[in-house]
C-alpha atoms as a PDB file:
ATOM      1  CA  UNK A   1      14.434 -50.078 -43.898  1.00  0.00           C
ATOM      2  CA  UNK A   2      14.500 -52.058 -47.135  1.00  0.00           C
ATOM      3  CA  UNK A   3      14.015 -50.163 -50.392  1.00  0.00           C
ATOM      4  CA  UNK A   4      12.589 -51.883 -53.451  1.00  0.00           C
ATOM      5  CA  UNK A   5      14.023 -49.902 -56.325  1.00  0.00           C
ATOM      6  CA  UNK A   6      14.662 -51.137 -59.836  1.00  0.00           C
ATOM      7  CA  UNK A   7      16.644 -49.006 -62.251  1.00  0.00           C
ATOM      8  CA  UNK A   8      15.623 -49.895 -65.772  1.00  0.00           C
ATOM      9  CA  UNK A   9      18.681 -50.268 -68.009  1.00  0.00           C
ATOM     10  CA  UNK A  10      17.020 -50.395 -71.409  1.00  0.00           C
ATOM     11  CA  UNK A  11      18.243 -48.497 -74.469  1.00  0.00           C
ATOM     12  CA  UNK A  12      14.796 -48.228 -76.058  1.00  0.00           C
ATOM     13  CA  UNK A  13      13.239 -46.989 -72.800  1.00  0.00           C
ATOM     14  CA  UNK A  14      15.982 -44.363 -72.481  1.00  0.00           C
ATOM     15  CA  UNK A  15      15.386 -43.233 -76.072  1.00  0.00           C
ATOM     16  CA  UNK A  16      11.623 -42.977 -75.523  1.00  0.00           C
ATOM     17  CA  UNK A  17      12.126 -41.071 -72.279  1.00  0.00           C
ATOM     18  CA  UNK A  18      14.280 -38.613 -74.214  1.00  0.00           C
ATOM     19  CA  UNK A  19      11.370 -38.008 -76.606  1.00  0.00           C
ATOM     20  CA  UNK A  20       9.034 -37.432 -73.657  1.00  0.00           C
ATOM     21  CA  UNK A  21      11.439 -34.939 -72.070  1.00  0.00           C
ATOM     22  CA  UNK A  22      12.148 -33.006 -75.280  1.00  0.00           C
ATOM     23  CA  UNK A  23      10.138 -29.771 -75.316  1.00  0.00           C
ATOM     24  CA  UNK A  24      10.266 -29.825 -79.140  1.00  0.00           C
ATOM     25  CA  UNK A  25       8.559 -33.225 -79.485  1.00  0.00           C
ATOM     26  CA  UNK A  26       5.301 -33.012 -81.409  1.00  0.00           C
ATOM     27  CA  UNK A  27       2.196 -34.266 -79.624  1.00  0.00           C
ATOM     28  CA  UNK A  28       2.027 -37.297 -81.959  1.00  0.00           C
ATOM     29  CA  UNK A  29       5.635 -38.232 -81.121  1.00  0.00           C
ATOM     30  CA  UNK A  30       4.983 -37.730 -77.405  1.00  0.00           C
ATOM     31  CA  UNK A  31       1.873 -39.942 -77.401  1.00  0.00           C
ATOM     32  CA  UNK A  32       3.539 -42.683 -79.454  1.00  0.00           C
ATOM     33  CA  UNK A  33       6.615 -42.691 -77.191  1.00  0.00           C
ATOM     34  CA  UNK A  34       4.431 -42.770 -74.069  1.00  0.00           C
ATOM     35  CA  UNK A  35       2.449 -45.720 -75.448  1.00  0.00           C
ATOM     36  CA  UNK A  36       5.605 -47.700 -76.261  1.00  0.00           C
ATOM     37  CA  UNK A  37       7.285 -46.841 -72.961  1.00  0.00           C
ATOM     38  CA  UNK A  38       4.230 -47.983 -71.008  1.00  0.00           C
ATOM     39  CA  UNK A  39       4.477 -51.441 -72.635  1.00  0.00           C
ATOM     40  CA  UNK A  40       8.165 -51.683 -71.714  1.00  0.00           C
ATOM     41  CA  UNK A  41       7.439 -50.677 -68.112  1.00  0.00           C
ATOM     42  CA  UNK A  42       4.536 -53.144 -67.929  1.00  0.00           C
ATOM     43  CA  UNK A  43       6.745 -55.974 -69.183  1.00  0.00           C
ATOM     44  CA  UNK A  44       9.430 -55.095 -66.636  1.00  0.00           C
ATOM     45  CA  UNK A  45       6.870 -54.874 -63.830  1.00  0.00           C
ATOM     46  CA  UNK A  46       5.415 -58.288 -64.696  1.00  0.00           C
ATOM     47  CA  UNK A  47       8.797 -60.012 -65.067  1.00  0.00           C
ATOM     48  CA  UNK A  48       8.421 -62.008 -61.850  1.00  0.00           C
ATOM     49  CA  UNK A  49       4.653 -62.520 -61.753  1.00  0.00           C
ATOM     50  CA  UNK A  50       3.712 -66.118 -60.891  1.00  0.00           C
ATOM     51  CA  UNK A  51       2.678 -68.383 -63.747  1.00  0.00           C
ATOM     52  CA  UNK A  52       0.674 -71.569 -63.996  1.00  0.00           C
ATOM     53  CA  UNK A  53       0.363 -74.186 -66.724  1.00  0.00           C
ATOM     54  CA  UNK A  54      -2.745 -73.923 -68.908  1.00  0.00           C
ATOM     55  CA  UNK A  55      -3.913 -76.084 -71.772  1.00  0.00           C
ATOM     56  CA  UNK A  56      -4.898 -74.567 -75.124  1.00  0.00           C
ATOM     57  CA  UNK A  57      -5.982 -76.082 -78.388  1.00  0.00           C
ATOM     58  CA  UNK A  58      -3.903 -75.131 -81.403  1.00  0.00           C
ATOM     59  CA  UNK A  59      -4.953 -75.852 -84.995  1.00  0.00           C
ATOM     60  CA  UNK A  60      -2.905 -79.077 -84.774  1.00  0.00           C
ATOM     61  CA  UNK A  61      -3.255 -80.368 -81.208  1.00  0.00           C
ATOM     62  CA  UNK A  62      -3.733 -79.517 -77.552  1.00  0.00           C
ATOM     63  CA  UNK A  63      -0.654 -78.158 -75.829  1.00  0.00           C
ATOM     64  CA  UNK A  64       0.420 -76.666 -72.519  1.00  0.00           C
ATOM     65  CA  UNK A  65       1.317 -72.980 -72.228  1.00  0.00           C
ATOM     66  CA  UNK A  66       2.181 -70.577 -69.433  1.00  0.00           C
ATOM     67  CA  UNK A  67      -0.615 -68.362 -68.090  1.00  0.00           C
ATOM     68  CA  UNK A  68      -0.690 -65.777 -65.338  1.00  0.00           C
ATOM     69  CA  UNK A  69      -1.529 -67.472 -62.045  1.00  0.00           C
ATOM     70  CA  UNK A  70      -3.735 -64.569 -60.897  1.00  0.00           C
ATOM     71  CA  UNK A  71      -5.858 -61.904 -62.550  1.00  0.00           C
ATOM     72  CA  UNK A  72      -4.209 -58.540 -63.051  1.00  0.00           C
ATOM     73  CA  UNK A  73      -6.046 -55.243 -62.664  1.00  0.00           C
ATOM     74  CA  UNK A  74      -4.475 -51.960 -63.767  1.00  0.00           C
ATOM     75  CA  UNK A  75      -5.903 -48.780 -62.302  1.00  0.00           C
ATOM     76  CA  UNK A  76      -4.900 -45.499 -63.940  1.00  0.00           C
ATOM     77  CA  UNK A  77      -4.390 -42.597 -61.585  1.00  0.00           C
ATOM     78  CA  UNK A  78      -5.432 -39.380 -63.259  1.00  0.00           C
ATOM     79  CA  UNK A  79      -4.322 -36.057 -61.828  1.00  0.00           C
ATOM     80  CA  UNK A  80      -4.943 -32.543 -62.875  1.00  0.00           C
ATOM     81  CA  UNK A  81      -2.864 -29.557 -61.925  1.00  0.00           C
END
């Protein structure tokens, strides 16, 4: 059986996780840390997503940029209890 496990080695993520785990963190600190950590996890998750070349128009000229090859849908899973 193959396991797909990635251990995130990121100093900022570790720091933010420490804020989340600290029982003395104020609700504002907790929410801010959770917001920042979710962006880090999203970036890590999307690291290997396929890209395609797209053309955009800048103020100076048209140029080619990288775009996601497929649409991405995020579905939050809310649990109570």
